[in-house]
Amino acid sequence: MPGGFGGALDQSSCPCGGRSYGLCCGPLHRGERRADTAVQLMRSRYSAFARGEVDYLIATHPELDLSESERRLALRQACRQTRWLGLTIISVSGGGPSDLEGTVQFEARYRGGVLKETSLFARKGDCLAGAWLYIRSME
């Protein structure tokens, strides 16, 4: 079957630096599976910014200060304006399969600079069955 039809697997490299997008962050963005760890969620959110996956960014970050339409507009604009070039994970504390929270320190390179951040992640509902969520920057 020709590529591009019938749900062909995206073999392009994943923006997060992992395997092919179709095997790395793609299944998370499509809702086929959830992140097992805080660092996996961090990587998938970076890839979502790089690929403009606004629905995924909204679903993985509870933000009560803005309406969904305001968030969607701001995220679309941010994704269009920034050209992401690479991600480096500096350190990880907690955030494993049996943790309720964790932090990830990273550097995300973009055309024009580097974003350096330590991010807090937590499980939805404060239980191990809850999905990982980005909570906030710790800076």
N, C-alpha and C. Protein backbone atom coordinates (compact mmCIF):
# COMPACT_ATOMS: atom_id res chain seq x y z
N MET A 1 0.85 -1.17 0.00
CA MET A 1 0.00 0.00 0.00
C MET A 1 0.90 1.23 0.00
N PRO A 2 0.60 2.26 -0.78
CA PRO A 2 1.42 3.46 -0.82
C PRO A 2 1.46 4.16 0.53
N GLY A 3 2.60 4.81 0.84
CA GLY A 3 2.73 5.54 2.09
C GLY A 3 1.71 6.65 2.16
N GLY A 4 1.25 6.97 3.37
CA GLY A 4 0.31 8.05 3.56
C GLY A 4 -1.14 7.60 3.56
N PHE A 5 -1.43 6.35 3.25
CA PHE A 5 -2.80 5.85 3.25
C PHE A 5 -2.92 4.71 4.26
N GLY A 6 -4.13 4.51 4.73
CA GLY A 6 -4.39 3.36 5.61
C GLY A 6 -3.68 3.42 6.94
N GLY A 7 -3.43 4.64 7.46
CA GLY A 7 -2.81 4.75 8.79
C GLY A 7 -1.35 4.36 8.80
N ALA A 8 -0.63 4.65 7.75
CA ALA A 8 0.80 4.34 7.70
C ALA A 8 1.52 4.99 8.88
N LEU A 9 2.47 4.29 9.44
CA LEU A 9 3.24 4.74 10.59
C LEU A 9 4.18 5.87 10.18
N ASP A 10 4.17 6.97 10.93
CA ASP A 10 5.03 8.11 10.67
C ASP A 10 6.46 7.73 11.06
N GLN A 11 7.33 7.60 10.08
CA GLN A 11 8.72 7.20 10.32
C GLN A 11 9.67 8.38 10.50
N SER A 12 9.14 9.62 10.44
CA SER A 12 10.01 10.79 10.63
C SER A 12 10.58 10.76 12.05
N SER A 13 11.72 11.40 12.23
CA SER A 13 12.34 11.39 13.56
C SER A 13 11.48 12.18 14.53
N CYS A 14 11.44 11.73 15.76
CA CYS A 14 10.63 12.38 16.77
C CYS A 14 11.35 13.65 17.25
N PRO A 15 10.64 14.76 17.39
CA PRO A 15 11.29 15.99 17.85
C PRO A 15 11.98 15.85 19.20
N CYS A 16 11.51 14.95 20.06
CA CYS A 16 12.10 14.81 21.39
C CYS A 16 13.46 14.13 21.37
N GLY A 17 13.85 13.60 20.21
CA GLY A 17 15.15 12.93 20.10
C GLY A 17 15.05 11.42 20.26
N GLY A 18 13.85 10.92 20.41
CA GLY A 18 13.66 9.47 20.55
C GLY A 18 13.63 8.78 19.20
N ARG A 19 12.93 7.69 19.14
CA ARG A 19 12.81 6.91 17.90
C ARG A 19 12.00 7.67 16.87
N SER A 20 11.43 6.95 15.94
CA SER A 20 10.55 7.59 14.96
C SER A 20 9.33 8.13 15.69
N TYR A 21 8.77 9.21 15.17
CA TYR A 21 7.60 9.83 15.78
C TYR A 21 6.46 8.83 15.94
N GLY A 22 6.26 7.98 14.95
CA GLY A 22 5.18 7.01 14.98
C GLY A 22 5.30 5.98 16.10
N LEU A 23 6.52 5.78 16.62
CA LEU A 23 6.73 4.83 17.71
C LEU A 23 7.04 5.51 19.04
N CYS A 24 7.33 6.79 19.00
CA CYS A 24 7.76 7.52 20.19
C CYS A 24 6.60 8.34 20.76
N CYS A 25 6.50 9.59 20.37
CA CYS A 25 5.48 10.48 20.93
C CYS A 25 4.14 10.42 20.19
N GLY A 26 4.15 9.97 18.95
CA GLY A 26 2.91 9.90 18.17
C GLY A 26 1.77 9.17 18.87
N PRO A 27 2.01 7.97 19.42
CA PRO A 27 0.92 7.25 20.10
C PRO A 27 0.35 8.00 21.31
N LEU A 28 1.18 8.78 21.99
CA LEU A 28 0.69 9.58 23.10
C LEU A 28 -0.18 10.72 22.57
N HIS A 29 0.28 11.39 21.52
CA HIS A 29 -0.48 12.50 20.95
C HIS A 29 -1.83 12.03 20.40
N ARG A 30 -1.87 10.81 19.87
CA ARG A 30 -3.11 10.28 19.31
C ARG A 30 -4.01 9.66 20.38
N GLY A 31 -3.57 9.59 21.63
CA GLY A 31 -4.36 9.02 22.71
C GLY A 31 -4.37 7.50 22.72
N GLU A 32 -3.43 6.88 22.02
CA GLU A 32 -3.35 5.41 21.97
C GLU A 32 -2.71 4.84 23.22
N ARG A 33 -1.90 5.66 23.91
CA ARG A 33 -1.34 5.27 25.20
C ARG A 33 -1.00 6.52 25.98
N ARG A 34 -0.72 6.33 27.28
CA ARG A 34 -0.37 7.44 28.17
C ARG A 34 1.09 7.38 28.53
N ALA A 35 1.62 8.52 28.92
CA ALA A 35 3.00 8.57 29.41
C ALA A 35 3.11 7.75 30.70
N ASP A 36 4.16 6.93 30.78
CA ASP A 36 4.40 6.11 31.97
C ASP A 36 5.16 6.86 33.05
N THR A 37 5.90 7.90 32.65
CA THR A 37 6.75 8.64 33.58
C THR A 37 6.63 10.14 33.30
N ALA A 38 7.10 10.93 34.26
CA ALA A 38 7.11 12.38 34.08
C ALA A 38 8.02 12.78 32.93
N VAL A 39 9.17 12.14 32.79
CA VAL A 39 10.08 12.50 31.71
C VAL A 39 9.48 12.14 30.34
N GLN A 40 8.74 11.06 30.27
CA GLN A 40 8.08 10.70 29.01
C GLN A 40 7.02 11.75 28.66
N LEU A 41 6.30 12.24 29.67
CA LEU A 41 5.33 13.31 29.41
C LEU A 41 6.05 14.58 28.98
N MET A 42 7.17 14.89 29.65
CA MET A 42 7.95 16.07 29.27
C MET A 42 8.36 16.01 27.80
N ARG A 43 8.91 14.86 27.39
CA ARG A 43 9.35 14.68 26.01
C ARG A 43 8.18 14.80 25.03
N SER A 44 7.04 14.21 25.40
CA SER A 44 5.88 14.25 24.50
C SER A 44 5.30 15.65 24.40
N ARG A 45 5.38 16.41 25.47
CA ARG A 45 4.90 17.80 25.41
C ARG A 45 5.84 18.65 24.56
N TYR A 46 7.14 18.41 24.67
CA TYR A 46 8.08 19.13 23.80
C TYR A 46 7.74 18.82 22.33
N SER A 47 7.56 17.55 22.03
CA SER A 47 7.21 17.15 20.65
C SER A 47 5.89 17.77 20.22
N ALA A 48 4.94 17.87 21.14
CA ALA A 48 3.64 18.47 20.82
C ALA A 48 3.81 19.95 20.47
N PHE A 49 4.67 20.65 21.19
CA PHE A 49 4.95 22.05 20.84
C PHE A 49 5.59 22.12 19.46
N ALA A 50 6.55 21.23 19.21
CA ALA A 50 7.26 21.24 17.93
C ALA A 50 6.34 20.91 16.75
N ARG A 51 5.35 20.06 16.97
CA ARG A 51 4.46 19.62 15.89
C ARG A 51 3.09 20.31 15.90
N GLY A 52 2.86 21.19 16.86
CA GLY A 52 1.60 21.91 16.90
C GLY A 52 0.42 21.07 17.37
N GLU A 53 0.66 20.12 18.25
CA GLU A 53 -0.40 19.25 18.78
C GLU A 53 -1.09 19.94 19.96
N VAL A 54 -1.90 20.94 19.67
CA VAL A 54 -2.52 21.79 20.68
C VAL A 54 -3.46 21.01 21.60
N ASP A 55 -4.25 20.10 21.07
CA ASP A 55 -5.17 19.32 21.92
C ASP A 55 -4.41 18.55 22.99
N TYR A 56 -3.29 17.98 22.63
CA TYR A 56 -2.47 17.23 23.59
C TYR A 56 -1.92 18.17 24.67
N LEU A 57 -1.45 19.33 24.26
CA LEU A 57 -0.91 20.29 25.23
C LEU A 57 -1.98 20.71 26.22
N ILE A 58 -3.18 20.93 25.76
CA ILE A 58 -4.29 21.30 26.65
C ILE A 58 -4.65 20.14 27.58
N ALA A 59 -4.71 18.94 27.04
CA ALA A 59 -5.10 17.77 27.84
C ALA A 59 -4.08 17.43 28.93
N THR A 60 -2.82 17.80 28.74
CA THR A 60 -1.78 17.42 29.69
C THR A 60 -1.34 18.55 30.60
N HIS A 61 -2.08 19.66 30.59
CA HIS A 61 -1.74 20.78 31.48
C HIS A 61 -3.01 21.47 31.97
N PRO A 62 -3.42 21.17 33.21
CA PRO A 62 -4.58 21.85 33.76
C PRO A 62 -4.24 23.32 34.01
N GLU A 63 -4.99 24.21 33.41
CA GLU A 63 -4.75 25.64 33.59
C GLU A 63 -6.11 26.31 33.73
N LEU A 64 -6.44 26.67 34.95
CA LEU A 64 -7.78 27.15 35.25
C LEU A 64 -7.95 28.66 35.03
N ASP A 65 -6.85 29.38 34.83
CA ASP A 65 -6.93 30.83 34.69
C ASP A 65 -7.44 31.29 33.34
N LEU A 66 -7.35 30.45 32.31
CA LEU A 66 -7.77 30.81 30.97
C LEU A 66 -8.84 29.85 30.46
N SER A 67 -9.72 30.34 29.62
CA SER A 67 -10.71 29.46 29.00
C SER A 67 -9.99 28.57 27.98
N GLU A 68 -10.64 27.48 27.60
CA GLU A 68 -10.03 26.59 26.62
C GLU A 68 -9.80 27.30 25.29
N SER A 69 -10.72 28.16 24.89
CA SER A 69 -10.54 28.86 23.61
C SER A 69 -9.36 29.82 23.67
N GLU A 70 -9.16 30.50 24.81
CA GLU A 70 -8.01 31.38 24.98
C GLU A 70 -6.71 30.58 24.96
N ARG A 71 -6.71 29.45 25.64
CA ARG A 71 -5.52 28.59 25.66
C ARG A 71 -5.20 28.08 24.27
N ARG A 72 -6.23 27.63 23.57
CA ARG A 72 -6.05 27.08 22.22
C ARG A 72 -5.43 28.15 21.29
N LEU A 73 -5.94 29.36 21.36
CA LEU A 73 -5.43 30.44 20.53
C LEU A 73 -3.97 30.76 20.87
N ALA A 74 -3.67 30.87 22.15
CA ALA A 74 -2.30 31.18 22.58
C ALA A 74 -1.33 30.06 22.20
N LEU A 75 -1.75 28.81 22.36
CA LEU A 75 -0.89 27.69 22.01
C LEU A 75 -0.65 27.60 20.51
N ARG A 76 -1.69 27.80 19.72
CA ARG A 76 -1.51 27.78 18.26
C ARG A 76 -0.50 28.83 17.84
N GLN A 77 -0.63 30.01 18.40
CA GLN A 77 0.29 31.10 18.07
C GLN A 77 1.72 30.76 18.50
N ALA A 78 1.88 30.23 19.70
CA ALA A 78 3.21 29.87 20.20
C ALA A 78 3.84 28.78 19.33
N CYS A 79 3.06 27.80 18.94
CA CYS A 79 3.59 26.71 18.11
C CYS A 79 4.02 27.22 16.73
N ARG A 80 3.28 28.16 16.17
CA ARG A 80 3.63 28.71 14.85
C ARG A 80 4.85 29.61 14.92
N GLN A 81 5.03 30.33 16.03
CA GLN A 81 6.10 31.32 16.13
C GLN A 81 7.45 30.76 16.53
N THR A 82 7.49 29.57 17.10
CA THR A 82 8.74 29.04 17.62
C THR A 82 9.19 27.83 16.81
N ARG A 83 10.44 27.85 16.40
CA ARG A 83 11.05 26.72 15.68
C ARG A 83 11.94 25.98 16.66
N TRP A 84 11.44 24.83 17.16
CA TRP A 84 12.17 24.03 18.15
C TRP A 84 13.23 23.20 17.45
N LEU A 85 14.43 23.15 18.05
CA LEU A 85 15.59 22.51 17.42
C LEU A 85 16.11 21.29 18.16
N GLY A 86 15.78 21.13 19.43
CA GLY A 86 16.27 19.96 20.15
C GLY A 86 16.01 20.04 21.64
N LEU A 87 16.01 18.89 22.28
CA LEU A 87 15.71 18.77 23.70
C LEU A 87 16.81 17.98 24.39
N THR A 88 17.25 18.49 25.54
CA THR A 88 18.21 17.78 26.38
C THR A 88 17.64 17.69 27.79
N ILE A 89 17.53 16.49 28.31
CA ILE A 89 17.09 16.28 29.69
C ILE A 89 18.35 16.39 30.56
N ILE A 90 18.32 17.28 31.53
CA ILE A 90 19.47 17.51 32.41
C ILE A 90 19.40 16.60 33.64
N SER A 91 18.24 16.59 34.29
CA SER A 91 18.08 15.73 35.47
C SER A 91 16.60 15.42 35.70
N VAL A 92 16.38 14.33 36.41
CA VAL A 92 15.03 13.88 36.74
C VAL A 92 15.02 13.48 38.21
N SER A 93 13.98 13.91 38.93
CA SER A 93 13.81 13.52 40.32
C SER A 93 12.40 12.99 40.48
N GLY A 94 12.27 11.73 40.88
CA GLY A 94 10.95 11.11 41.01
C GLY A 94 10.33 10.97 39.63
N GLY A 95 9.01 10.95 39.61
CA GLY A 95 8.31 10.90 38.33
C GLY A 95 8.30 9.54 37.66
N GLY A 96 8.60 8.49 38.41
CA GLY A 96 8.60 7.14 37.85
C GLY A 96 7.21 6.51 37.87
N PRO A 97 7.10 5.28 37.37
CA PRO A 97 5.80 4.60 37.32
C PRO A 97 5.12 4.44 38.68
N SER A 98 5.88 4.42 39.76
CA SER A 98 5.27 4.25 41.09
C SER A 98 5.31 5.54 41.92
N ASP A 99 5.51 6.69 41.26
CA ASP A 99 5.54 7.99 41.94
C ASP A 99 4.27 8.78 41.65
N LEU A 100 3.95 9.70 42.55
CA LEU A 100 2.82 10.60 42.35
C LEU A 100 3.24 11.94 41.77
N GLU A 101 4.52 12.29 41.93
CA GLU A 101 5.02 13.53 41.34
C GLU A 101 6.50 13.40 41.03
N GLY A 102 6.98 14.34 40.25
CA GLY A 102 8.39 14.35 39.89
C GLY A 102 8.75 15.66 39.23
N THR A 103 10.05 15.88 39.12
CA THR A 103 10.53 17.08 38.44
C THR A 103 11.48 16.66 37.32
N VAL A 104 11.49 17.47 36.27
CA VAL A 104 12.37 17.25 35.13
C VAL A 104 13.04 18.59 34.82
N GLN A 105 14.37 18.59 34.85
CA GLN A 105 15.12 19.76 34.43
C GLN A 105 15.57 19.52 33.00
N PHE A 106 15.37 20.51 32.14
CA PHE A 106 15.69 20.33 30.72
C PHE A 106 16.14 21.61 30.07
N GLU A 107 16.71 21.46 28.89
CA GLU A 107 17.02 22.57 28.01
C GLU A 107 16.36 22.27 26.67
N ALA A 108 15.57 23.21 26.20
CA ALA A 108 14.91 23.08 24.90
C ALA A 108 15.47 24.18 24.00
N ARG A 109 16.16 23.76 22.95
CA ARG A 109 16.76 24.72 22.04
C ARG A 109 15.76 25.12 20.96
N TYR A 110 15.75 26.40 20.67
CA TYR A 110 14.89 26.93 19.61
C TYR A 110 15.69 27.97 18.84
N ARG A 111 15.20 28.27 17.65
CA ARG A 111 15.87 29.28 16.85
C ARG A 111 15.83 30.58 17.63
N GLY A 112 17.01 31.03 18.04
CA GLY A 112 17.11 32.27 18.80
C GLY A 112 17.47 32.10 20.26
N GLY A 113 17.55 30.88 20.76
CA GLY A 113 17.91 30.73 22.16
C GLY A 113 17.69 29.34 22.74
N VAL A 114 17.71 29.31 24.06
CA VAL A 114 17.52 28.07 24.81
C VAL A 114 16.58 28.34 25.98
N LEU A 115 15.56 27.51 26.11
CA LEU A 115 14.67 27.56 27.27
C LEU A 115 15.21 26.56 28.29
N LYS A 116 15.57 27.06 29.47
CA LYS A 116 16.04 26.19 30.56
C LYS A 116 14.98 26.23 31.64
N GLU A 117 14.54 25.04 32.05
CA GLU A 117 13.44 25.00 33.01
C GLU A 117 13.52 23.73 33.85
N THR A 118 13.03 23.84 35.07
CA THR A 118 12.74 22.68 35.90
C THR A 118 11.22 22.65 36.05
N SER A 119 10.61 21.57 35.60
CA SER A 119 9.15 21.46 35.57
C SER A 119 8.66 20.47 36.61
N LEU A 120 7.52 20.78 37.21
CA LEU A 120 6.86 19.90 38.16
C LEU A 120 5.75 19.13 37.43
N PHE A 121 5.71 17.83 37.64
CA PHE A 121 4.69 16.96 37.09
C PHE A 121 4.02 16.21 38.23
N ALA A 122 2.74 15.90 38.07
CA ALA A 122 2.01 15.15 39.09
C ALA A 122 0.94 14.29 38.43
N ARG A 123 0.53 13.26 39.14
CA ARG A 123 -0.53 12.38 38.65
C ARG A 123 -1.90 13.02 38.86
N LYS A 124 -2.75 12.91 37.87
CA LYS A 124 -4.12 13.41 37.97
C LYS A 124 -4.82 12.67 39.09
N GLY A 125 -5.52 13.41 39.94
CA GLY A 125 -6.25 12.80 41.04
C GLY A 125 -5.37 12.33 42.18
N ASP A 126 -4.07 12.64 42.11
CA ASP A 126 -3.12 12.25 43.16
C ASP A 126 -3.16 10.74 43.46
N CYS A 127 -3.32 9.95 42.37
CA CYS A 127 -3.31 8.49 42.53
C CYS A 127 -2.49 7.86 41.41
N LEU A 128 -1.94 6.69 41.66
CA LEU A 128 -1.05 6.04 40.70
C LEU A 128 -1.73 5.71 39.37
N ALA A 129 -3.04 5.55 39.39
CA ALA A 129 -3.76 5.26 38.14
C ALA A 129 -3.98 6.52 37.31
N GLY A 130 -3.73 7.69 37.89
CA GLY A 130 -3.95 8.94 37.19
C GLY A 130 -2.88 9.21 36.14
N ALA A 131 -3.28 9.89 35.09
CA ALA A 131 -2.35 10.26 34.03
C ALA A 131 -1.38 11.33 34.54
N TRP A 132 -0.16 11.32 34.00
CA TRP A 132 0.80 12.37 34.31
C TRP A 132 0.35 13.68 33.70
N LEU A 133 0.51 14.78 34.46
CA LEU A 133 0.18 16.12 34.00
C LEU A 133 1.34 17.06 34.27
N TYR A 134 1.55 18.02 33.38
CA TYR A 134 2.48 19.11 33.64
C TYR A 134 1.75 20.07 34.57
N ILE A 135 2.39 20.45 35.68
CA ILE A 135 1.76 21.34 36.64
C ILE A 135 2.26 22.78 36.49
N ARG A 136 3.59 22.96 36.55
CA ARG A 136 4.14 24.31 36.45
C ARG A 136 5.65 24.28 36.37
N SER A 137 6.19 25.43 35.96
CA SER A 137 7.64 25.63 36.03
C SER A 137 8.00 25.91 37.48
N MET A 138 9.14 25.41 37.92
CA MET A 138 9.57 25.62 39.29
C MET A 138 10.51 26.82 39.38
N GLU A 139 10.74 27.51 38.29
CA GLU A 139 11.66 28.66 38.28
C GLU A 139 11.02 29.83 38.98
